[in-house]
Amino acid sequence: MISFPFHILQDHDKPLYGEPCNNCGLCCRVQACKVSEIFLKSSQAPCIALEYHDGKLLCGMLIRPAHYLGITFPDATAETASQYLIPQFRLLIGAGDGCSMPDEVLAVKLKVGETA
């Protein structure tokens, strides 16, 4: 079971599992994904690459991975390097597949009697 403070749930309007992502950032606030663990060497939550832009929480590894990885390609800017990396990270993270935070997490937390 994923364990995290109940108040985090109150700060998010999480879509149902599999529905389109609304960039609430709940998944990244409660558990590090494999991309964070493998490439950023971090299992901390919230994710160190979680970024806030225009009222949305977004994955920094999908916006500017070269920044987080500290890499560039020869004769390329960080933006150009990121263009090569973003599609790979989208696949690894499952971006575009819908909400990845199982609804059972919410049900378990509510069932154990935690309140607002």
N, C-alpha and C. Protein backbone atom coordinates (compact mmCIF):
# COMPACT_ATOMS: atom_id res chain seq x y z
N MET A 1 0.84 -1.18 0.00
CA MET A 1 0.00 0.00 0.00
C MET A 1 0.88 1.24 0.00
N ILE A 2 0.51 2.22 -0.77
CA ILE A 2 1.21 3.50 -0.78
C ILE A 2 0.74 4.29 0.42
N SER A 3 1.67 4.81 1.19
CA SER A 3 1.32 5.57 2.39
C SER A 3 1.73 7.02 2.20
N PHE A 4 0.81 7.92 2.43
CA PHE A 4 1.10 9.34 2.33
C PHE A 4 0.08 10.13 3.13
N PRO A 5 0.38 11.39 3.46
CA PRO A 5 -0.55 12.18 4.26
C PRO A 5 -1.88 12.39 3.55
N PHE A 6 -2.95 12.24 4.30
CA PHE A 6 -4.30 12.37 3.75
C PHE A 6 -4.53 13.75 3.13
N HIS A 7 -3.93 14.80 3.70
CA HIS A 7 -4.19 16.15 3.19
C HIS A 7 -3.79 16.31 1.73
N ILE A 8 -2.87 15.47 1.26
CA ILE A 8 -2.48 15.55 -0.16
C ILE A 8 -3.68 15.25 -1.05
N LEU A 9 -4.52 14.31 -0.63
CA LEU A 9 -5.70 13.99 -1.43
C LEU A 9 -6.63 15.18 -1.55
N GLN A 10 -6.71 15.98 -0.51
CA GLN A 10 -7.61 17.12 -0.52
C GLN A 10 -7.15 18.20 -1.48
N ASP A 11 -5.87 18.24 -1.77
CA ASP A 11 -5.30 19.26 -2.65
C ASP A 11 -5.41 18.91 -4.13
N HIS A 12 -6.01 17.77 -4.45
CA HIS A 12 -6.04 17.31 -5.83
C HIS A 12 -7.43 16.89 -6.27
N ASP A 13 -7.69 17.10 -7.52
CA ASP A 13 -8.91 16.61 -8.14
C ASP A 13 -8.50 15.50 -9.10
N LYS A 14 -8.14 14.36 -8.54
CA LYS A 14 -7.60 13.25 -9.32
C LYS A 14 -8.67 12.62 -10.19
N PRO A 15 -8.37 12.43 -11.48
CA PRO A 15 -9.31 11.69 -12.33
C PRO A 15 -9.29 10.21 -11.96
N LEU A 16 -10.28 9.48 -12.40
CA LEU A 16 -10.29 8.04 -12.17
C LEU A 16 -9.13 7.40 -12.92
N TYR A 17 -8.65 6.29 -12.39
CA TYR A 17 -7.55 5.56 -13.00
C TYR A 17 -7.85 5.29 -14.48
N GLY A 18 -6.92 5.64 -15.36
CA GLY A 18 -7.06 5.41 -16.78
C GLY A 18 -7.71 6.54 -17.55
N GLU A 19 -8.42 7.44 -16.84
CA GLU A 19 -9.00 8.59 -17.52
C GLU A 19 -7.89 9.58 -17.87
N PRO A 20 -8.16 10.50 -18.79
CA PRO A 20 -7.10 11.44 -19.17
C PRO A 20 -6.50 12.18 -17.98
N CYS A 21 -5.20 12.32 -18.01
CA CYS A 21 -4.47 13.03 -16.96
C CYS A 21 -4.90 14.50 -16.95
N ASN A 22 -5.11 15.04 -15.75
CA ASN A 22 -5.45 16.46 -15.64
C ASN A 22 -4.29 17.25 -15.01
N ASN A 23 -3.14 16.63 -14.91
CA ASN A 23 -1.93 17.25 -14.37
C ASN A 23 -2.10 17.70 -12.92
N CYS A 24 -2.82 16.88 -12.14
CA CYS A 24 -2.98 17.20 -10.71
C CYS A 24 -1.68 16.93 -9.96
N GLY A 25 -0.83 16.05 -10.46
CA GLY A 25 0.46 15.77 -9.85
C GLY A 25 0.43 14.83 -8.67
N LEU A 26 -0.73 14.26 -8.36
CA LEU A 26 -0.82 13.38 -7.20
C LEU A 26 0.16 12.22 -7.29
N CYS A 27 0.24 11.58 -8.44
CA CYS A 27 1.13 10.42 -8.59
C CYS A 27 2.58 10.80 -8.27
N CYS A 28 3.01 11.95 -8.74
CA CYS A 28 4.39 12.39 -8.53
C CYS A 28 4.63 12.93 -7.12
N ARG A 29 3.55 13.29 -6.44
CA ARG A 29 3.70 13.80 -5.07
C ARG A 29 3.79 12.69 -4.04
N VAL A 30 3.30 11.50 -4.40
CA VAL A 30 3.25 10.44 -3.39
C VAL A 30 4.24 9.30 -3.62
N GLN A 31 4.77 9.17 -4.83
CA GLN A 31 5.67 8.05 -5.09
C GLN A 31 6.57 8.36 -6.29
N ALA A 32 7.83 8.03 -6.15
CA ALA A 32 8.76 8.22 -7.26
C ALA A 32 8.52 7.15 -8.32
N CYS A 33 8.57 7.55 -9.57
CA CYS A 33 8.40 6.58 -10.66
C CYS A 33 9.75 5.96 -11.00
N LYS A 34 9.74 5.00 -11.89
CA LYS A 34 10.97 4.32 -12.29
C LYS A 34 11.95 5.28 -12.98
N VAL A 35 11.43 6.24 -13.73
CA VAL A 35 12.31 7.21 -14.39
C VAL A 35 13.07 8.00 -13.34
N SER A 36 12.39 8.43 -12.29
CA SER A 36 13.04 9.17 -11.21
C SER A 36 14.07 8.29 -10.50
N GLU A 37 13.69 7.07 -10.21
CA GLU A 37 14.60 6.18 -9.50
C GLU A 37 15.84 5.84 -10.33
N ILE A 38 15.64 5.54 -11.61
CA ILE A 38 16.75 5.10 -12.45
C ILE A 38 17.62 6.25 -12.94
N PHE A 39 16.98 7.27 -13.50
CA PHE A 39 17.75 8.33 -14.15
C PHE A 39 18.13 9.47 -13.21
N LEU A 40 17.30 9.75 -12.20
CA LEU A 40 17.60 10.84 -11.28
C LEU A 40 18.18 10.32 -9.96
N LYS A 41 18.25 8.99 -9.85
CA LYS A 41 18.77 8.35 -8.64
C LYS A 41 18.06 8.86 -7.38
N SER A 42 16.74 9.01 -7.50
CA SER A 42 15.95 9.53 -6.39
C SER A 42 14.67 8.73 -6.23
N SER A 43 14.41 8.31 -5.01
CA SER A 43 13.15 7.64 -4.72
C SER A 43 12.29 8.51 -3.80
N GLN A 44 12.68 9.78 -3.69
CA GLN A 44 11.95 10.68 -2.80
C GLN A 44 10.63 11.12 -3.41
N ALA A 45 9.68 11.36 -2.57
CA ALA A 45 8.40 11.93 -2.99
C ALA A 45 8.16 13.16 -2.11
N PRO A 46 7.72 14.25 -2.69
CA PRO A 46 7.41 14.41 -4.10
C PRO A 46 8.66 14.33 -4.97
N CYS A 47 8.44 14.02 -6.22
CA CYS A 47 9.53 13.86 -7.17
C CYS A 47 10.33 15.15 -7.30
N ILE A 48 11.63 15.02 -7.41
CA ILE A 48 12.49 16.19 -7.54
C ILE A 48 12.33 16.88 -8.90
N ALA A 49 11.72 16.20 -9.86
CA ALA A 49 11.52 16.79 -11.18
C ALA A 49 10.10 17.32 -11.38
N LEU A 50 9.29 17.34 -10.35
CA LEU A 50 7.93 17.84 -10.46
C LEU A 50 7.97 19.37 -10.56
N GLU A 51 7.36 19.90 -11.62
CA GLU A 51 7.38 21.35 -11.87
C GLU A 51 5.96 21.90 -11.95
N TYR A 52 5.82 23.15 -11.53
CA TYR A 52 4.53 23.83 -11.56
C TYR A 52 4.57 24.87 -12.68
N HIS A 53 3.64 24.75 -13.63
CA HIS A 53 3.55 25.68 -14.76
C HIS A 53 2.08 25.99 -15.03
N ASP A 54 1.73 27.25 -15.02
CA ASP A 54 0.38 27.70 -15.39
C ASP A 54 -0.72 26.91 -14.69
N GLY A 55 -0.57 26.69 -13.39
CA GLY A 55 -1.60 26.02 -12.61
C GLY A 55 -1.60 24.51 -12.73
N LYS A 56 -0.61 23.94 -13.40
CA LYS A 56 -0.54 22.49 -13.57
C LYS A 56 0.79 21.98 -13.02
N LEU A 57 0.75 20.76 -12.50
CA LEU A 57 1.97 20.08 -12.07
C LEU A 57 2.41 19.17 -13.21
N LEU A 58 3.64 19.34 -13.66
CA LEU A 58 4.14 18.63 -14.83
C LEU A 58 5.45 17.92 -14.51
N CYS A 59 5.70 16.87 -15.25
CA CYS A 59 6.94 16.11 -15.10
C CYS A 59 8.08 16.84 -15.81
N GLY A 60 9.08 17.23 -15.03
CA GLY A 60 10.23 17.90 -15.61
C GLY A 60 11.00 17.03 -16.59
N MET A 61 10.91 15.72 -16.42
CA MET A 61 11.58 14.81 -17.35
C MET A 61 10.89 14.76 -18.70
N LEU A 62 9.64 15.26 -18.76
CA LEU A 62 8.94 15.34 -20.04
C LEU A 62 8.99 16.74 -20.63
N ILE A 63 9.46 17.69 -19.85
CA ILE A 63 9.54 19.07 -20.32
C ILE A 63 10.97 19.42 -20.71
N ARG A 64 11.89 19.11 -19.81
CA ARG A 64 13.30 19.47 -20.03
C ARG A 64 14.23 18.46 -19.37
N PRO A 65 14.23 17.24 -19.91
CA PRO A 65 15.05 16.19 -19.32
C PRO A 65 16.54 16.49 -19.32
N ALA A 66 17.03 17.17 -20.35
CA ALA A 66 18.47 17.46 -20.40
C ALA A 66 18.88 18.31 -19.20
N HIS A 67 18.00 19.17 -18.73
CA HIS A 67 18.29 19.99 -17.55
C HIS A 67 18.50 19.10 -16.33
N TYR A 68 17.60 18.15 -16.12
CA TYR A 68 17.69 17.28 -14.95
C TYR A 68 18.83 16.28 -15.05
N LEU A 69 19.14 15.87 -16.24
CA LEU A 69 20.22 14.90 -16.44
C LEU A 69 21.58 15.58 -16.59
N GLY A 70 21.56 16.88 -16.83
CA GLY A 70 22.81 17.61 -16.98
C GLY A 70 23.59 17.21 -18.21
N ILE A 71 22.88 16.93 -19.29
CA ILE A 71 23.57 16.48 -20.51
C ILE A 71 23.18 17.32 -21.71
N THR A 72 24.04 17.31 -22.68
CA THR A 72 23.76 17.87 -24.00
C THR A 72 24.41 16.95 -25.02
N PHE A 73 23.96 17.08 -26.21
CA PHE A 73 24.59 16.35 -27.30
C PHE A 73 25.58 17.29 -27.97
N PRO A 74 26.58 16.76 -28.64
CA PRO A 74 27.54 17.64 -29.32
C PRO A 74 26.82 18.60 -30.25
N ASP A 75 27.21 19.85 -30.18
CA ASP A 75 26.65 20.90 -31.03
C ASP A 75 25.14 21.04 -30.90
N ALA A 76 24.61 20.80 -29.70
CA ALA A 76 23.16 20.91 -29.50
C ALA A 76 22.88 21.68 -28.21
N THR A 77 21.79 22.42 -28.23
CA THR A 77 21.36 23.11 -27.02
C THR A 77 20.61 22.12 -26.13
N ALA A 78 20.32 22.52 -24.91
CA ALA A 78 19.56 21.65 -24.00
C ALA A 78 18.18 21.37 -24.57
N GLU A 79 17.60 22.36 -25.26
CA GLU A 79 16.27 22.15 -25.86
C GLU A 79 16.33 21.10 -26.96
N THR A 80 17.37 21.14 -27.76
CA THR A 80 17.52 20.15 -28.83
C THR A 80 17.75 18.77 -28.24
N ALA A 81 18.58 18.70 -27.21
CA ALA A 81 18.84 17.42 -26.57
C ALA A 81 17.54 16.86 -25.99
N SER A 82 16.75 17.72 -25.39
CA SER A 82 15.49 17.27 -24.80
C SER A 82 14.54 16.72 -25.84
N GLN A 83 14.56 17.26 -27.04
CA GLN A 83 13.68 16.76 -28.11
C GLN A 83 13.95 15.29 -28.40
N TYR A 84 15.16 14.85 -28.24
CA TYR A 84 15.51 13.45 -28.46
C TYR A 84 15.11 12.58 -27.27
N LEU A 85 15.16 13.14 -26.09
CA LEU A 85 14.91 12.37 -24.88
C LEU A 85 13.42 12.26 -24.50
N ILE A 86 12.66 13.31 -24.74
CA ILE A 86 11.26 13.35 -24.29
C ILE A 86 10.44 12.16 -24.79
N PRO A 87 10.50 11.78 -26.06
CA PRO A 87 9.70 10.62 -26.48
C PRO A 87 10.05 9.34 -25.73
N GLN A 88 11.31 9.18 -25.38
CA GLN A 88 11.73 7.99 -24.65
C GLN A 88 11.15 7.98 -23.23
N PHE A 89 11.20 9.12 -22.58
CA PHE A 89 10.66 9.21 -21.21
C PHE A 89 9.14 9.13 -21.21
N ARG A 90 8.50 9.64 -22.25
CA ARG A 90 7.03 9.52 -22.35
C ARG A 90 6.63 8.04 -22.34
N LEU A 91 7.38 7.23 -23.06
CA LEU A 91 7.10 5.80 -23.09
C LEU A 91 7.34 5.15 -21.73
N LEU A 92 8.46 5.48 -21.11
CA LEU A 92 8.79 4.87 -19.82
C LEU A 92 7.82 5.26 -18.71
N ILE A 93 7.35 6.51 -18.74
CA ILE A 93 6.44 6.99 -17.71
C ILE A 93 5.01 6.56 -18.01
N GLY A 94 4.71 6.35 -19.28
CA GLY A 94 3.34 6.02 -19.66
C GLY A 94 2.52 7.26 -19.91
N ALA A 95 3.19 8.36 -20.21
CA ALA A 95 2.48 9.61 -20.49
C ALA A 95 1.54 9.42 -21.67
N GLY A 96 0.34 9.92 -21.51
CA GLY A 96 -0.66 9.79 -22.55
C GLY A 96 -1.54 8.57 -22.39
N ASP A 97 -1.22 7.72 -21.40
CA ASP A 97 -2.01 6.51 -21.15
C ASP A 97 -3.13 6.76 -20.14
N GLY A 98 -3.22 7.95 -19.61
CA GLY A 98 -4.25 8.26 -18.62
C GLY A 98 -3.70 8.25 -17.21
N CYS A 99 -4.57 8.51 -16.26
CA CYS A 99 -4.17 8.59 -14.85
C CYS A 99 -3.55 7.26 -14.42
N SER A 100 -2.37 7.36 -13.80
CA SER A 100 -1.66 6.16 -13.39
C SER A 100 -1.76 5.88 -11.89
N MET A 101 -2.48 6.71 -11.15
CA MET A 101 -2.62 6.51 -9.70
C MET A 101 -3.87 5.67 -9.45
N PRO A 102 -3.68 4.43 -9.00
CA PRO A 102 -4.84 3.55 -8.79
C PRO A 102 -5.86 4.15 -7.82
N ASP A 103 -7.13 4.01 -8.15
CA ASP A 103 -8.21 4.53 -7.31
C ASP A 103 -8.24 3.83 -5.96
N GLU A 104 -7.72 2.59 -5.90
CA GLU A 104 -7.72 1.85 -4.65
C GLU A 104 -6.96 2.58 -3.55
N VAL A 105 -5.98 3.38 -3.93
CA VAL A 105 -5.22 4.14 -2.94
C VAL A 105 -6.17 5.06 -2.19
N LEU A 106 -7.05 5.71 -2.90
CA LEU A 106 -8.01 6.60 -2.26
C LEU A 106 -8.95 5.82 -1.38
N ALA A 107 -9.45 4.70 -1.87
CA ALA A 107 -10.40 3.89 -1.11
C ALA A 107 -9.76 3.35 0.17
N VAL A 108 -8.52 2.90 0.09
CA VAL A 108 -7.84 2.36 1.27
C VAL A 108 -7.65 3.45 2.30
N LYS A 109 -7.22 4.61 1.87
CA LYS A 109 -6.98 5.70 2.81
C LYS A 109 -8.28 6.12 3.50
N LEU A 110 -9.38 6.17 2.75
CA LEU A 110 -10.65 6.56 3.34
C LEU A 110 -11.17 5.47 4.27
N LYS A 111 -10.93 4.21 3.91
CA LYS A 111 -11.43 3.09 4.68
C LYS A 111 -10.77 2.98 6.06
N VAL A 112 -9.50 3.32 6.14
CA VAL A 112 -8.81 3.19 7.41
C VAL A 112 -9.19 4.30 8.39
N GLY A 113 -10.06 5.19 7.96
CA GLY A 113 -10.61 6.17 8.87
C GLY A 113 -9.89 7.50 8.97
N GLU A 114 -8.98 7.77 8.06
CA GLU A 114 -8.34 9.06 8.09
C GLU A 114 -9.37 10.09 7.66
N THR A 115 -9.36 11.22 8.30
CA THR A 115 -10.31 12.27 7.97
C THR A 115 -9.58 13.55 7.62
N ALA A 116 -10.34 14.46 7.09
CA ALA A 116 -9.77 15.73 6.65
C ALA A 116 -9.26 16.55 7.82
